[in-house]
Amino acid sequence: MTRLRALAPAKMNLCLFLGPTRSDGRHQLVTLFESISLSDELELTPLDDGDDQVICPGVDGPNLVASALATLRREGWKGPPVRVEIRKRIPVAAGLGGGSADAAAVLRLVQGLAPLPDDLAARVARQLGSDVPSQLQPGLALGRGAGEEVEPLEPLGPHTFVIVPQAFGLSTAEVYREADRLGLPRNAGELAALRRELAAAVTPGQRLPPSLLVNDLEPAAISLAARVSGALQDIRQAGAEHALVCGSGPTVAGMWWGEDAERSARGAQTDLAVRYPGACLATPIHRPKGILVLRHN
């Protein structure tokens, strides 16, 4: 029996600038997505008959992979029924885009059964959520619109993260509502200026200026969960050059730059793991097509 396997890398928002609300209720954003080595793993098996099945041990409730398959079929995809098994390593409701990564991975996997019509994967990804389009081709990308407009970019200079998950989740919708309550969104003119500044600053092989390593959702995440602030402080005290809230939180991350970044980050990860048992090292991934989809019998 032929099976297909794919990694589903988590994403970091190296920056996230929040703009006004659009007519569809979502916020305009300017963000820099980066895929990292912390990944879920999906295995897809074609079935002879029956309905699509999605199995994700330990995770209850709706799954974006099931939504991706259902949307593909509504859009006319005629592939065989499939069983998808998800091995979760990315924390749930953590701001790391795990569900979006899984949905993007299954859109890559089904193309191993039968090629999709032009732009179908991209159309489905846009229907599923703002983070899914950026994960169709993992790597570094500039995100605009509500995050669904994606421009792939060449990688920055070497850097390493220590990812520090929390023992609780945060609803993305609640964080955005809190951001609105706090008056955090920027006006359209300021957002456009930041987009131009960011596009000019992203230079292959170089560092991103510290002034752009900003997540506008950070105050909202801290307002809803004060422990996020404590975790950021712990990361700074561990020696990180930058401490970031991941997406809408509550996961936080420390960032180190340079050829020696991994060694420095590894020492910090050891220290942080005493208080945060899930703390792990992660490095950027840049469109590793050769390892994302594997066929075996």
Protein backbone atom coordinates (compact mmCIF):
# COMPACT_ATOMS: atom_id res chain seq x y z
CA MET A 1 0.00 0.00 0.00
CA THR A 2 1.36 3.40 -0.98
CA ARG A 3 1.48 6.02 1.75
CA LEU A 4 2.61 9.61 1.64
CA ARG A 5 4.26 11.45 4.49
CA ALA A 6 4.96 15.14 5.02
CA LEU A 7 6.37 17.40 7.67
CA ALA A 8 4.24 20.36 8.70
CA PRO A 9 6.60 23.04 10.07
CA ALA A 10 5.41 25.54 12.66
CA LYS A 11 5.74 29.22 11.82
CA MET A 12 7.20 32.18 13.63
CA ASN A 13 6.02 35.72 13.04
CA LEU A 14 9.32 37.59 13.17
CA CYS A 15 7.19 40.72 13.16
CA LEU A 16 3.45 41.32 13.12
CA PHE A 17 2.08 44.80 12.49
CA LEU A 18 -1.66 45.13 13.07
CA GLY A 19 -3.78 47.40 10.89
CA PRO A 20 -7.43 48.38 10.55
CA THR A 21 -10.30 45.91 10.30
CA ARG A 22 -11.35 44.97 6.76
CA SER A 23 -14.89 44.68 5.45
CA ASP A 24 -14.76 40.89 6.03
CA GLY A 25 -14.06 41.44 9.74
CA ARG A 26 -10.40 40.43 9.60
CA HIS A 27 -7.54 42.82 10.32
CA GLN A 28 -5.08 44.04 7.75
CA LEU A 29 -1.59 42.84 8.61
CA VAL A 30 1.99 43.17 7.60
CA THR A 31 3.97 40.21 8.90
CA LEU A 32 7.11 38.22 8.25
CA PHE A 33 6.44 34.49 8.41
CA GLU A 34 9.30 32.05 8.96
CA SER A 35 8.97 28.26 9.03
CA ILE A 36 10.89 26.50 11.78
CA SER A 37 12.10 23.00 12.48
CA LEU A 38 9.44 22.28 15.13
CA SER A 39 7.05 20.23 12.99
CA ASP A 40 4.04 17.97 13.04
CA GLU A 41 4.13 14.91 10.78
CA LEU A 42 1.28 13.75 8.55
CA GLU A 43 0.81 10.37 6.91
CA LEU A 44 -1.78 9.98 4.15
CA THR A 45 -3.11 6.61 3.01
CA PRO A 46 -5.51 6.30 0.05
CA LEU A 47 -8.56 4.13 0.75
CA ASP A 48 -10.55 1.91 -1.58
CA ASP A 49 -13.88 3.42 -0.52
CA GLY A 50 -15.66 5.28 2.25
CA ASP A 51 -15.20 8.81 3.57
CA ASP A 52 -12.08 10.79 4.32
CA GLN A 53 -10.71 10.15 7.81
CA VAL A 54 -8.54 12.44 9.95
CA ILE A 55 -6.91 10.97 13.04
CA CYS A 56 -5.13 13.26 15.48
CA PRO A 57 -4.58 11.59 18.86
CA GLY A 58 -4.87 13.89 21.84
CA VAL A 59 -6.54 16.75 19.97
CA ASP A 60 -10.31 17.13 20.13
CA GLY A 61 -12.65 19.34 18.15
CA PRO A 62 -12.66 20.57 14.53
CA ASN A 63 -9.50 19.96 12.52
CA LEU A 64 -8.30 22.14 9.64
CA VAL A 65 -7.06 19.05 7.80
CA ALA A 66 -10.64 17.76 7.59
CA SER A 67 -11.74 21.21 6.44
CA ALA A 68 -9.00 21.21 3.78
CA LEU A 69 -10.15 17.87 2.39
CA ALA A 70 -13.82 18.89 2.44
CA THR A 71 -13.02 22.17 0.68
CA LEU A 72 -10.94 20.36 -1.96
CA ARG A 73 -13.88 18.10 -2.73
CA ARG A 74 -16.33 21.02 -2.92
CA GLU A 75 -13.94 22.62 -5.40
CA GLY A 76 -14.11 19.51 -7.58
CA TRP A 77 -11.10 17.40 -6.56
CA LYS A 78 -11.82 13.77 -7.50
CA GLY A 79 -9.06 11.98 -5.61
CA PRO A 80 -9.74 8.74 -3.72
CA PRO A 81 -10.90 8.83 -0.10
CA VAL A 82 -7.95 9.11 2.27
CA ARG A 83 -6.98 8.51 5.86
CA VAL A 84 -4.72 11.18 7.35
CA GLU A 85 -2.89 10.52 10.61
CA ILE A 86 -1.33 13.51 12.37
CA ARG A 87 1.51 13.19 14.87
CA LYS A 88 1.33 16.44 16.85
CA ARG A 89 4.51 18.07 18.09
CA ILE A 90 3.45 21.71 17.68
CA PRO A 91 1.49 22.90 20.75
CA VAL A 92 -2.21 23.59 20.15
CA ALA A 93 -3.64 27.14 20.43
CA ALA A 94 -0.09 28.39 20.90
CA GLY A 95 0.39 31.00 18.18
CA LEU A 96 2.66 28.73 16.14
CA GLY A 97 0.17 27.95 13.38
CA GLY A 98 0.12 24.20 13.94
CA GLY A 99 -3.36 23.64 12.53
CA SER A 100 -2.59 25.82 9.52
CA ALA A 101 0.68 23.95 8.96
CA ASP A 102 -1.18 20.63 8.99
CA ALA A 103 -3.76 21.91 6.49
CA ALA A 104 -1.03 23.17 4.17
CA ALA A 105 0.80 19.85 4.46
CA VAL A 106 -2.25 17.85 3.41
CA LEU A 107 -2.66 20.15 0.38
CA ARG A 108 0.89 19.20 -0.59
CA LEU A 109 0.31 15.52 0.12
CA VAL A 110 -2.78 15.04 -2.04
CA GLN A 111 -0.79 16.18 -5.06
CA GLY A 112 1.18 12.96 -4.66
CA LEU A 113 -2.02 11.09 -5.53
CA ALA A 114 -3.15 13.27 -8.42
CA PRO A 115 -2.02 16.75 -9.53
CA LEU A 116 -4.34 19.56 -8.51
CA PRO A 117 -5.66 22.01 -11.11
CA ASP A 118 -3.74 25.27 -11.35
CA ASP A 119 -4.12 27.47 -8.26
CA LEU A 120 -6.54 25.08 -6.52
CA ALA A 121 -4.26 24.55 -3.49
CA ALA A 122 -3.79 28.31 -3.16
CA ARG A 123 -7.54 28.97 -3.45
CA VAL A 124 -8.34 26.37 -0.81
CA ALA A 125 -5.59 27.67 1.48
CA ARG A 126 -7.03 31.19 1.36
CA GLN A 127 -10.45 29.84 2.35
CA LEU A 128 -9.04 27.99 5.35
CA GLY A 129 -7.33 30.86 7.16
CA SER A 130 -4.75 33.60 7.07
CA ASP A 131 -1.76 31.42 8.03
CA VAL A 132 -2.36 28.54 5.61
CA PRO A 133 -1.16 30.20 2.36
CA SER A 134 2.24 31.02 3.86
CA GLN A 135 2.77 27.36 4.76
CA LEU A 136 2.07 25.88 1.32
CA GLN A 137 5.72 26.49 0.51
CA PRO A 138 7.52 26.64 3.87
CA GLY A 139 10.24 29.23 4.25
CA LEU A 140 10.49 32.97 4.77
CA ALA A 141 7.65 35.09 3.38
CA LEU A 142 6.21 38.56 3.63
CA GLY A 143 2.50 38.41 4.45
CA ARG A 144 -0.02 41.14 3.63
CA GLY A 145 -3.79 41.49 3.51
CA ALA A 146 -4.97 39.45 6.48
CA GLY A 147 -1.84 37.33 6.01
CA GLU A 148 -3.14 35.49 2.94
CA GLU A 149 -1.15 37.54 0.42
CA VAL A 150 2.27 35.89 0.48
CA GLU A 151 5.56 36.88 -1.14
CA PRO A 152 8.34 34.26 -0.71
CA LEU A 153 11.71 35.70 0.28
CA GLU A 154 15.29 34.46 0.45
CA PRO A 155 16.54 33.45 3.94
CA LEU A 156 18.01 35.84 6.48
CA GLY A 157 21.34 35.37 8.22
CA PRO A 158 21.78 32.39 10.57
CA HIS A 159 19.68 32.47 13.73
CA THR A 160 18.18 30.08 16.27
CA PHE A 161 15.12 30.12 18.50
CA VAL A 162 14.27 28.67 21.87
CA ILE A 163 10.53 28.01 21.80
CA VAL A 164 8.88 28.24 25.24
CA PRO A 165 5.30 26.91 25.23
CA GLN A 166 2.90 27.73 28.05
CA ALA A 167 0.65 25.36 29.97
CA PHE A 168 -2.46 27.10 28.60
CA GLY A 169 -3.81 28.26 25.27
CA LEU A 170 -5.15 31.54 23.96
CA SER A 171 -7.93 31.96 21.42
CA THR A 172 -6.69 33.91 18.42
CA ALA A 173 -10.08 35.59 18.08
CA GLU A 174 -10.01 36.69 21.72
CA VAL A 175 -6.51 38.13 21.35
CA TYR A 176 -7.59 40.17 18.33
CA ARG A 177 -10.67 41.41 20.19
CA GLU A 178 -8.46 42.45 23.09
CA ALA A 179 -6.12 44.23 20.67
CA ASP A 180 -9.10 46.22 19.40
CA ARG A 181 -10.22 47.01 22.95
CA LEU A 182 -6.73 48.29 23.76
CA GLY A 183 -6.64 50.41 20.60
CA LEU A 184 -3.58 48.64 19.19
CA PRO A 185 -4.35 48.63 15.43
CA ARG A 186 -2.33 51.11 13.36
CA ASN A 187 -3.88 53.26 10.67
CA ALA A 188 -3.58 52.31 7.00
CA GLY A 189 -0.89 54.88 6.27
CA GLU A 190 1.36 53.71 9.09
CA LEU A 191 0.86 50.09 8.08
CA ALA A 192 1.83 50.87 4.47
CA ALA A 193 4.95 52.69 5.64
CA LEU A 194 5.97 49.72 7.78
CA ARG A 195 5.45 47.37 4.85
CA ARG A 196 7.84 49.43 2.74
CA GLU A 197 10.37 49.60 5.58
CA LEU A 198 10.19 45.86 6.16
CA ALA A 199 10.50 45.00 2.46
CA ALA A 200 13.61 47.19 2.22
CA ALA A 201 15.14 45.72 5.40
CA VAL A 202 14.85 42.02 4.53
CA THR A 203 18.25 41.32 2.99
CA PRO A 204 19.31 37.73 2.19
CA GLY A 205 21.94 36.50 4.62
CA GLN A 206 21.59 39.51 6.95
CA ARG A 207 19.93 40.28 10.27
CA LEU A 208 16.58 41.95 10.64
CA PRO A 209 16.85 45.31 12.45
CA PRO A 210 15.72 45.06 16.10
CA SER A 211 13.26 47.92 15.53
CA LEU A 212 11.25 45.63 13.23
CA LEU A 213 11.17 42.60 15.54
CA VAL A 214 7.81 43.74 16.91
CA ASN A 215 4.55 41.89 17.51
CA ASP A 216 1.64 44.31 17.90
CA LEU A 217 -0.44 41.54 19.49
CA GLU A 218 1.96 41.17 22.42
CA PRO A 219 0.18 43.66 24.73
CA ALA A 220 -3.16 41.95 24.05
CA ALA A 221 -1.73 38.51 24.85
CA ILE A 222 -0.22 39.86 28.08
CA SER A 223 -3.48 41.58 29.00
CA LEU A 224 -5.31 38.25 28.73
CA ALA A 225 -2.55 36.19 30.37
CA ALA A 226 -0.04 38.05 32.56
CA ARG A 227 2.18 34.95 32.70
CA VAL A 228 3.24 35.71 29.11
CA SER A 229 5.11 38.77 30.40
CA GLY A 230 6.96 36.66 32.97
CA ALA A 231 8.01 34.16 30.32
CA LEU A 232 9.36 36.95 28.11
CA GLN A 233 11.39 38.26 31.03
CA ASP A 234 12.76 34.79 31.78
CA ILE A 235 13.88 34.45 28.16
CA ARG A 236 15.68 37.79 28.25
CA GLN A 237 17.41 36.80 31.46
CA ALA A 238 18.51 33.56 29.78
CA GLY A 239 20.49 35.66 27.31
CA ALA A 240 18.23 35.96 24.26
CA GLU A 241 18.97 38.89 21.96
CA HIS A 242 15.23 39.24 21.35
CA ALA A 243 12.16 37.87 23.13
CA LEU A 244 9.01 37.48 21.03
CA VAL A 245 5.40 36.45 21.49
CA CYS A 246 4.66 33.85 18.81
CA GLY A 247 1.69 34.99 16.72
CA SER A 248 -1.27 35.56 19.03
CA GLY A 249 0.49 33.72 21.87
CA PRO A 250 0.77 32.40 24.46
CA THR A 251 3.96 30.68 23.28
CA VAL A 252 7.03 32.90 23.49
CA ALA A 253 10.45 32.54 21.91
CA GLY A 254 13.99 33.73 22.38
CA MET A 255 16.07 34.58 19.31
CA TRP A 256 19.83 34.50 18.80
CA TRP A 257 21.72 35.66 15.68
CA GLY A 258 25.02 34.54 14.19
CA GLU A 259 27.05 31.46 13.33
CA ASP A 260 27.34 30.60 17.03
CA ALA A 261 23.64 31.16 17.73
CA GLU A 262 22.73 27.51 18.14
CA ARG A 263 25.35 26.92 20.83
CA SER A 264 24.23 29.96 22.81
CA ALA A 265 20.56 29.06 22.41
CA ARG A 266 21.18 25.47 23.48
CA GLY A 267 22.59 26.61 26.81
CA ALA A 268 19.60 28.88 27.37
CA GLN A 269 17.20 26.08 26.44
CA THR A 270 18.74 23.85 29.09
CA ASP A 271 18.25 26.56 31.71
CA LEU A 272 14.71 27.45 30.63
CA ALA A 273 13.59 23.81 30.50
CA VAL A 274 13.88 23.63 34.30
CA ARG A 275 10.93 26.02 34.61
CA TYR A 276 9.32 25.37 31.20
CA PRO A 277 9.54 21.61 30.50
CA GLY A 278 8.40 22.01 26.88
CA ALA A 279 11.18 24.46 25.95
CA CYS A 280 12.90 23.36 22.74
CA LEU A 281 15.41 24.53 20.17
CA ALA A 282 14.23 25.42 16.65
CA THR A 283 15.99 26.63 13.54
CA PRO A 284 14.63 28.20 10.33
CA ILE A 285 13.53 26.00 7.43
CA HIS A 286 13.72 27.35 3.89
CA ARG A 287 11.53 25.51 1.37
CA PRO A 288 12.97 22.00 1.92
CA LYS A 289 10.98 20.42 -0.91
CA GLY A 290 13.12 17.31 -0.97
CA ILE A 291 12.12 16.20 2.53
CA LEU A 292 8.59 17.48 2.88
CA VAL A 293 6.89 14.76 0.83
CA LEU A 294 8.09 11.18 1.06
CA ARG A 295 6.57 8.12 -0.64
CA HIS A 296 6.95 4.66 0.84
CA ASN A 297 5.21 1.29 0.70
